[in-house]
Amino acid sequence: MIEITLQEGDRLEWALKAFKRQVLRSGLFQELRRRRHYVKPSEARQLKDEAALRRARAAARRAAGKGVRSGARRTPRR
């Protein structure tokens, strides 16, 4: 359950922003979208496989990008 406790004098806009942030972090909207329609088991497997392919491609891109590139030096964060 998501709760926002307000003190006397707190602004409503702040409370609404904090509530929205907590809802997004909790993943409630994603869960609602996922449960909006029934997904057959075969479709669920297909979606899961496609997501795994996307993750594998992204990991391969990241791994390929970690090689040494001439002239492209990243400055350290401070």
PDB file of N, CA and C in Angstrom:
ATOM      1  N   MET A   1       0.836  -1.174   0.000  1.00  0.00           N
ATOM      2  CA  MET A   1       0.000   0.000   0.000  1.00  0.00           C
ATOM      3  C   MET A   1       0.885   1.243   0.000  1.00  0.00           C
ATOM      4  N   ILE A   2       0.543   2.175  -0.833  1.00  0.00           N
ATOM      5  CA  ILE A   2       1.315   3.396  -0.964  1.00  0.00           C
ATOM      6  C   ILE A   2       0.691   4.466  -0.080  1.00  0.00           C
ATOM      7  N   GLU A   3       1.520   5.060   0.763  1.00  0.00           N
ATOM      8  CA  GLU A   3       1.029   6.094   1.675  1.00  0.00           C
ATOM      9  C   GLU A   3       1.903   7.328   1.581  1.00  0.00           C
ATOM     10  N   ILE A   4       1.275   8.463   1.693  1.00  0.00           N
ATOM     11  CA  ILE A   4       1.965   9.736   1.798  1.00  0.00           C
ATOM     12  C   ILE A   4       1.442  10.398   3.069  1.00  0.00           C
ATOM     13  N   THR A   5       2.332  10.674   4.002  1.00  0.00           N
ATOM     14  CA  THR A   5       1.907  11.346   5.227  1.00  0.00           C
ATOM     15  C   THR A   5       2.193  12.833   5.091  1.00  0.00           C
ATOM     16  N   LEU A   6       1.199  13.630   5.401  1.00  0.00           N
ATOM     17  CA  LEU A   6       1.316  15.078   5.284  1.00  0.00           C
ATOM     18  C   LEU A   6       1.402  15.707   6.659  1.00  0.00           C
ATOM     19  N   GLN A   7       2.204  16.725   6.737  1.00  0.00           N
ATOM     20  CA  GLN A   7       2.291  17.520   7.955  1.00  0.00           C
ATOM     21  C   GLN A   7       1.417  18.759   7.766  1.00  0.00           C
ATOM     22  N   GLU A   8       1.158  19.437   8.829  1.00  0.00           N
ATOM     23  CA  GLU A   8       0.389  20.674   8.748  1.00  0.00           C
ATOM     24  C   GLU A   8       1.180  21.685   7.913  1.00  0.00           C
ATOM     25  N   GLY A   9       0.531  22.238   6.921  1.00  0.00           N
ATOM     26  CA  GLY A   9       1.180  23.240   6.082  1.00  0.00           C
ATOM     27  C   GLY A   9       1.835  22.669   4.836  1.00  0.00           C
ATOM     28  N   ASP A  10       1.828  21.343   4.641  1.00  0.00           N
ATOM     29  CA  ASP A  10       2.390  20.770   3.412  1.00  0.00           C
ATOM     30  C   ASP A  10       1.504  21.124   2.228  1.00  0.00           C
ATOM     31  N   ARG A  11       2.151  21.336   1.112  1.00  0.00           N
ATOM     32  CA  ARG A  11       1.391  21.714  -0.082  1.00  0.00           C
ATOM     33  C   ARG A  11       0.827  20.476  -0.767  1.00  0.00           C
ATOM     34  N   LEU A  12      -0.353  20.615  -1.319  1.00  0.00           N
ATOM     35  CA  LEU A  12      -1.020  19.515  -2.007  1.00  0.00           C
ATOM     36  C   LEU A  12      -0.255  19.106  -3.260  1.00  0.00           C
ATOM     37  N   GLU A  13       0.340  20.067  -3.960  1.00  0.00           N
ATOM     38  CA  GLU A  13       1.107  19.748  -5.172  1.00  0.00           C
ATOM     39  C   GLU A  13       2.293  18.845  -4.836  1.00  0.00           C
ATOM     40  N   TRP A  14       2.954  19.136  -3.712  1.00  0.00           N
ATOM     41  CA  TRP A  14       4.087  18.311  -3.283  1.00  0.00           C
ATOM     42  C   TRP A  14       3.623  16.893  -2.978  1.00  0.00           C
ATOM     43  N   ALA A  15       2.481  16.776  -2.280  1.00  0.00           N
ATOM     44  CA  ALA A  15       1.970  15.461  -1.912  1.00  0.00           C
ATOM     45  C   ALA A  15       1.599  14.657  -3.156  1.00  0.00           C
ATOM     46  N   LEU A  16       0.989  15.321  -4.133  1.00  0.00           N
ATOM     47  CA  LEU A  16       0.608  14.638  -5.366  1.00  0.00           C
ATOM     48  C   LEU A  16       1.846  14.166  -6.127  1.00  0.00           C
ATOM     49  N   LYS A  17       2.887  15.005  -6.190  1.00  0.00           N
ATOM     50  CA  LYS A  17       4.131  14.607  -6.857  1.00  0.00           C
ATOM     51  C   LYS A  17       4.770  13.417  -6.155  1.00  0.00           C
ATOM     52  N   ALA A  18       4.788  13.452  -4.827  1.00  0.00           N
ATOM     53  CA  ALA A  18       5.391  12.363  -4.066  1.00  0.00           C
ATOM     54  C   ALA A  18       4.608  11.068  -4.272  1.00  0.00           C
ATOM     55  N   PHE A  19       3.282  11.171  -4.323  1.00  0.00           N
ATOM     56  CA  PHE A  19       2.451   9.990  -4.546  1.00  0.00           C
ATOM     57  C   PHE A  19       2.717   9.396  -5.922  1.00  0.00           C
ATOM     58  N   LYS A  20       2.746  10.239  -6.941  1.00  0.00           N
ATOM     59  CA  LYS A  20       3.008   9.760  -8.297  1.00  0.00           C
ATOM     60  C   LYS A  20       4.373   9.078  -8.390  1.00  0.00           C
ATOM     61  N   ARG A  21       5.371   9.672  -7.738  1.00  0.00           N
ATOM     62  CA  ARG A  21       6.718   9.099  -7.758  1.00  0.00           C
ATOM     63  C   ARG A  21       6.731   7.719  -7.107  1.00  0.00           C
ATOM     64  N   GLN A  22       6.034   7.574  -5.978  1.00  0.00           N
ATOM     65  CA  GLN A  22       5.999   6.280  -5.305  1.00  0.00           C
ATOM     66  C   GLN A  22       5.244   5.241  -6.122  1.00  0.00           C
ATOM     67  N   VAL A  23       4.180   5.654  -6.808  1.00  0.00           N
ATOM     68  CA  VAL A  23       3.428   4.723  -7.653  1.00  0.00           C
ATOM     69  C   VAL A  23       4.308   4.237  -8.798  1.00  0.00           C
ATOM     70  N   LEU A  24       5.059   5.153  -9.407  1.00  0.00           N
ATOM     71  CA  LEU A  24       5.943   4.754 -10.505  1.00  0.00           C
ATOM     72  C   LEU A  24       7.036   3.811 -10.019  1.00  0.00           C
ATOM     73  N   ARG A  25       7.628   4.106  -8.874  1.00  0.00           N
ATOM     74  CA  ARG A  25       8.699   3.258  -8.353  1.00  0.00           C
ATOM     75  C   ARG A  25       8.202   1.875  -7.963  1.00  0.00           C
ATOM     76  N   SER A  26       6.966   1.801  -7.490  1.00  0.00           N
ATOM     77  CA  SER A  26       6.441   0.513  -7.045  1.00  0.00           C
ATOM     78  C   SER A  26       6.097  -0.410  -8.217  1.00  0.00           C
ATOM     79  N   GLY A  27       5.949   0.158  -9.421  1.00  0.00           N
ATOM     80  CA  GLY A  27       5.613  -0.654 -10.586  1.00  0.00           C
ATOM     81  C   GLY A  27       4.135  -0.953 -10.700  1.00  0.00           C
ATOM     82  N   LEU A  28       3.309  -0.198  -9.995  1.00  0.00           N
ATOM     83  CA  LEU A  28       1.874  -0.442 -10.002  1.00  0.00           C
ATOM     84  C   LEU A  28       1.272  -0.224 -11.387  1.00  0.00           C
ATOM     85  N   PHE A  29       1.687   0.845 -12.085  1.00  0.00           N
ATOM     86  CA  PHE A  29       1.156   1.109 -13.414  1.00  0.00           C
ATOM     87  C   PHE A  29       1.527   0.000 -14.395  1.00  0.00           C
ATOM     88  N   GLN A  30       2.755  -0.482 -14.314  1.00  0.00           N
ATOM     89  CA  GLN A  30       3.164  -1.568 -15.203  1.00  0.00           C
ATOM     90  C   GLN A  30       2.326  -2.811 -14.955  1.00  0.00           C
ATOM     91  N   GLU A  31       2.068  -3.095 -13.696  1.00  0.00           N
ATOM     92  CA  GLU A  31       1.248  -4.260 -13.349  1.00  0.00           C
ATOM     93  C   GLU A  31      -0.171  -4.105 -13.880  1.00  0.00           C
ATOM     94  N   LEU A  32      -0.730  -2.899 -13.755  1.00  0.00           N
ATOM     95  CA  LEU A  32      -2.079  -2.656 -14.270  1.00  0.00           C
ATOM     96  C   LEU A  32      -2.134  -2.822 -15.781  1.00  0.00           C
ATOM     97  N   ARG A  33      -1.135  -2.292 -16.478  1.00  0.00           N
ATOM     98  CA  ARG A  33      -1.115  -2.437 -17.937  1.00  0.00           C
ATOM     99  C   ARG A  33      -0.982  -3.914 -18.332  1.00  0.00           C
ATOM    100  N   ARG A  34      -0.158  -4.634 -17.578  1.00  0.00           N
ATOM    101  CA  ARG A  34       0.055  -6.043 -17.895  1.00  0.00           C
ATOM    102  C   ARG A  34      -1.219  -6.842 -17.693  1.00  0.00           C
ATOM    103  N   ARG A  35      -1.993  -6.512 -16.698  1.00  0.00           N
ATOM    104  CA  ARG A  35      -3.200  -7.271 -16.396  1.00  0.00           C
ATOM    105  C   ARG A  35      -4.444  -6.751 -17.099  1.00  0.00           C
ATOM    106  N   ARG A  36      -4.295  -5.749 -17.934  1.00  0.00           N
ATOM    107  CA  ARG A  36      -5.458  -5.158 -18.603  1.00  0.00           C
ATOM    108  C   ARG A  36      -6.176  -6.180 -19.485  1.00  0.00           C
ATOM    109  N   HIS A  37      -5.416  -7.020 -20.177  1.00  0.00           N
ATOM    110  CA  HIS A  37      -5.989  -8.025 -21.065  1.00  0.00           C
ATOM    111  C   HIS A  37      -5.383  -9.383 -20.736  1.00  0.00           C
ATOM    112  N   TYR A  38      -6.149 -10.417 -20.989  1.00  0.00           N
ATOM    113  CA  TYR A  38      -5.643 -11.772 -20.781  1.00  0.00           C
ATOM    114  C   TYR A  38      -4.648 -12.101 -21.880  1.00  0.00           C
ATOM    115  N   VAL A  39      -3.538 -12.684 -21.490  1.00  0.00           N
ATOM    116  CA  VAL A  39      -2.510 -13.105 -22.448  1.00  0.00           C
ATOM    117  C   VAL A  39      -2.418 -14.620 -22.379  1.00  0.00           C
ATOM    118  N   LYS A  40      -2.630 -15.247 -23.538  1.00  0.00           N
ATOM    119  CA  LYS A  40      -2.556 -16.701 -23.581  1.00  0.00           C
ATOM    120  C   LYS A  40      -1.139 -17.156 -23.244  1.00  0.00           C
ATOM    121  N   PRO A  41      -0.987 -18.352 -22.695  1.00  0.00           N
ATOM    122  CA  PRO A  41       0.351 -18.840 -22.342  1.00  0.00           C
ATOM    123  C   PRO A  41       1.313 -18.857 -23.527  1.00  0.00           C
ATOM    124  N   SER A  42       0.825 -19.200 -24.709  1.00  0.00           N
ATOM    125  CA  SER A  42       1.713 -19.219 -25.874  1.00  0.00           C
ATOM    126  C   SER A  42       2.182 -17.804 -26.214  1.00  0.00           C
ATOM    127  N   GLU A  43       1.277 -16.817 -26.091  1.00  0.00           N
ATOM    128  CA  GLU A  43       1.662 -15.427 -26.340  1.00  0.00           C
ATOM    129  C   GLU A  43       2.625 -14.932 -25.270  1.00  0.00           C
ATOM    130  N   ALA A  44       2.405 -15.360 -24.031  1.00  0.00           N
ATOM    131  CA  ALA A  44       3.285 -14.951 -22.938  1.00  0.00           C
ATOM    132  C   ALA A  44       4.700 -15.483 -23.176  1.00  0.00           C
ATOM    133  N   ARG A  45       4.808 -16.732 -23.633  1.00  0.00           N
ATOM    134  CA  ARG A  45       6.123 -17.297 -23.938  1.00  0.00           C
ATOM    135  C   ARG A  45       6.803 -16.508 -25.052  1.00  0.00           C
ATOM    136  N   GLN A  46       6.026 -16.161 -26.068  1.00  0.00           N
ATOM    137  CA  GLN A  46       6.575 -15.418 -27.196  1.00  0.00           C
ATOM    138  C   GLN A  46       7.064 -14.039 -26.735  1.00  0.00           C
ATOM    139  N   LEU A  47       6.287 -13.352 -25.915  1.00  0.00           N
ATOM    140  CA  LEU A  47       6.692 -12.051 -25.402  1.00  0.00           C
ATOM    141  C   LEU A  47       7.949 -12.164 -24.545  1.00  0.00           C
ATOM    142  N   LYS A  48       8.010 -13.225 -23.754  1.00  0.00           N
ATOM    143  CA  LYS A  48       9.164 -13.435 -22.889  1.00  0.00           C
ATOM    144  C   LYS A  48      10.422 -13.690 -23.724  1.00  0.00           C
ATOM    145  N   ASP A  49      10.289 -14.501 -24.773  1.00  0.00           N
ATOM    146  CA  ASP A  49      11.426 -14.778 -25.652  1.00  0.00           C
ATOM    147  C   ASP A  49      11.901 -13.512 -26.370  1.00  0.00           C
ATOM    148  N   GLU A  50      10.944 -12.690 -26.828  1.00  0.00           N
ATOM    149  CA  GLU A  50      11.310 -11.448 -27.507  1.00  0.00           C
ATOM    150  C   GLU A  50      12.030 -10.501 -26.553  1.00  0.00           C
ATOM    151  N   ALA A  51      11.575 -10.442 -25.314  1.00  0.00           N
ATOM    152  CA  ALA A  51      12.230  -9.586 -24.328  1.00  0.00           C
ATOM    153  C   ALA A  51      13.646 -10.081 -24.053  1.00  0.00           C
ATOM    154  N   ALA A  52      13.829 -11.390 -24.001  1.00  0.00           N
ATOM    155  CA  ALA A  52      15.160 -11.946 -23.776  1.00  0.00           C
ATOM    156  C   ALA A  52      16.088 -11.608 -24.943  1.00  0.00           C
ATOM    157  N   LEU A  53      15.560 -11.656 -26.167  1.00  0.00           N
ATOM    158  CA  LEU A  53      16.363 -11.288 -27.341  1.00  0.00           C
ATOM    159  C   LEU A  53      16.780  -9.824 -27.276  1.00  0.00           C
ATOM    160  N   ARG A  54      15.842  -8.948 -26.898  1.00  0.00           N
ATOM    161  CA  ARG A  54      16.171  -7.528 -26.787  1.00  0.00           C
ATOM    162  C   ARG A  54      17.264  -7.299 -25.740  1.00  0.00           C
ATOM    163  N   ARG A  55      17.151  -7.989 -24.598  1.00  0.00           N
ATOM    164  CA  ARG A  55      18.164  -7.842 -23.553  1.00  0.00           C
ATOM    165  C   ARG A  55      19.515  -8.351 -24.031  1.00  0.00           C
ATOM    166  N   ALA A  56      19.526  -9.469 -24.766  1.00  0.00           N
ATOM    167  CA  ALA A  56      20.784 -10.034 -25.264  1.00  0.00           C
ATOM    168  C   ALA A  56      21.422  -9.099 -26.290  1.00  0.00           C
ATOM    169  N   ARG A  57      20.599  -8.514 -27.169  1.00  0.00           N
ATOM    170  CA  ARG A  57      21.151  -7.582 -28.161  1.00  0.00           C
ATOM    171  C   ARG A  57      21.724  -6.344 -27.484  1.00  0.00           C
ATOM    172  N   ALA A  58      21.020  -5.842 -26.481  1.00  0.00           N
ATOM    173  CA  ALA A  58      21.507  -4.660 -25.769  1.00  0.00           C
ATOM    174  C   ALA A  58      22.806  -4.972 -25.048  1.00  0.00           C
ATOM    175  N   ALA A  59      22.908  -6.148 -24.448  1.00  0.00           N
ATOM    176  CA  ALA A  59      24.133  -6.533 -23.754  1.00  0.00           C
ATOM    177  C   ALA A  59      25.284  -6.663 -24.748  1.00  0.00           C
ATOM    178  N   ALA A  60      24.993  -7.191 -25.938  1.00  0.00           N
ATOM    179  CA  ALA A  60      26.036  -7.324 -26.956  1.00  0.00           C
ATOM    180  C   ALA A  60      26.504  -5.953 -27.431  1.00  0.00           C
ATOM    181  N   ARG A  61      25.563  -5.013 -27.575  1.00  0.00           N
ATOM    182  CA  ARG A  61      25.939  -3.657 -27.974  1.00  0.00           C
ATOM    183  C   ARG A  61      26.808  -3.002 -26.911  1.00  0.00           C
ATOM    184  N   ARG A  62      26.431  -3.192 -25.654  1.00  0.00           N
ATOM    185  CA  ARG A  62      27.223  -2.610 -24.566  1.00  0.00           C
ATOM    186  C   ARG A  62      28.618  -3.227 -24.530  1.00  0.00           C
ATOM    187  N   ALA A  63      28.699  -4.547 -24.733  1.00  0.00           N
ATOM    188  CA  ALA A  63      29.992  -5.222 -24.697  1.00  0.00           C
ATOM    189  C   ALA A  63      30.857  -4.767 -25.871  1.00  0.00           C
ATOM    190  N   ALA A  64      30.253  -4.567 -27.027  1.00  0.00           N
ATOM    191  CA  ALA A  64      31.013  -4.113 -28.189  1.00  0.00           C
ATOM    192  C   ALA A  64      31.477  -2.680 -28.002  1.00  0.00           C
ATOM    193  N   GLY A  65      30.725  -1.884 -27.280  1.00  0.00           N
ATOM    194  CA  GLY A  65      31.073  -0.490 -27.072  1.00  0.00           C
ATOM    195  C   GLY A  65      32.147  -0.288 -26.033  1.00  0.00           C
ATOM    196  N   LYS A  66      32.481  -1.315 -25.267  1.00  0.00           N
ATOM    197  CA  LYS A  66      33.488  -1.177 -24.220  1.00  0.00           C
ATOM    198  C   LYS A  66      34.904  -1.285 -24.761  1.00  0.00           C
ATOM    199  N   GLY A  67      35.051  -1.571 -26.027  1.00  0.00           N
ATOM    200  CA  GLY A  67      36.382  -1.648 -26.615  1.00  0.00           C
ATOM    201  C   GLY A  67      37.048  -0.291 -26.628  1.00  0.00           C
ATOM    202  N   VAL A  68      38.341  -0.270 -26.846  1.00  0.00           N
ATOM    203  CA  VAL A  68      39.097   0.982 -26.855  1.00  0.00           C
ATOM    204  C   VAL A  68      38.865   1.679 -28.187  1.00  0.00           C
ATOM    205  N   ARG A  69      38.430   2.934 -28.097  1.00  0.00           N
ATOM    206  CA  ARG A  69      38.242   3.727 -29.307  1.00  0.00           C
ATOM    207  C   ARG A  69      39.256   4.855 -29.290  1.00  0.00           C
ATOM    208  N   SER A  70      39.885   5.082 -30.409  1.00  0.00           N
ATOM    209  CA  SER A  70      40.918   6.118 -30.453  1.00  0.00           C
ATOM    210  C   SER A  70      40.257   7.494 -30.463  1.00  0.00           C
ATOM    211  N   GLY A  71      40.761   8.373 -29.614  1.00  0.00           N
ATOM    212  CA  GLY A  71      40.289   9.739 -29.596  1.00  0.00           C
ATOM    213  C   GLY A  71      39.014   9.974 -28.801  1.00  0.00           C
ATOM    214  N   ALA A  72      38.276   8.963 -28.504  1.00  0.00           N
ATOM    215  CA  ALA A  72      37.022   9.130 -27.764  1.00  0.00           C
ATOM    216  C   ALA A  72      37.269   8.780 -26.310  1.00  0.00           C
ATOM    217  N   ARG A  73      37.684   9.759 -25.548  1.00  0.00           N
ATOM    218  CA  ARG A  73      38.013   9.534 -24.145  1.00  0.00           C
ATOM    219  C   ARG A  73      36.950  10.202 -23.285  1.00  0.00           C
ATOM    220  N   ARG A  74      36.435   9.474 -22.355  1.00  0.00           N
ATOM    221  CA  ARG A  74      35.394   9.991 -21.500  1.00  0.00           C
ATOM    222  C   ARG A  74      36.038  10.649 -20.271  1.00  0.00           C
ATOM    223  N   THR A  75      35.546  11.826 -19.923  1.00  0.00           N
ATOM    224  CA  THR A  75      36.083  12.502 -18.746  1.00  0.00           C
ATOM    225  C   THR A  75      35.421  11.932 -17.501  1.00  0.00           C
ATOM    226  N   PRO A  76      36.166  11.803 -16.417  1.00  0.00           N
ATOM    227  CA  PRO A  76      35.573  11.217 -15.205  1.00  0.00           C
ATOM    228  C   PRO A  76      34.570  12.185 -14.583  1.00  0.00           C
ATOM    229  N   ARG A  77      33.542  11.628 -13.962  1.00  0.00           N
ATOM    230  CA  ARG A  77      32.547  12.442 -13.276  1.00  0.00           C
ATOM    231  C   ARG A  77      33.104  12.936 -11.960  1.00  0.00           C
ATOM    232  N   ARG A  78      32.674  14.100 -11.591  1.00  0.00           N
ATOM    233  CA  ARG A  78      33.151  14.672 -10.319  1.00  0.00           C
ATOM    234  C   ARG A  78      32.008  14.955  -9.410  1.00  0.00           C
TER     235      ARG A  78
END
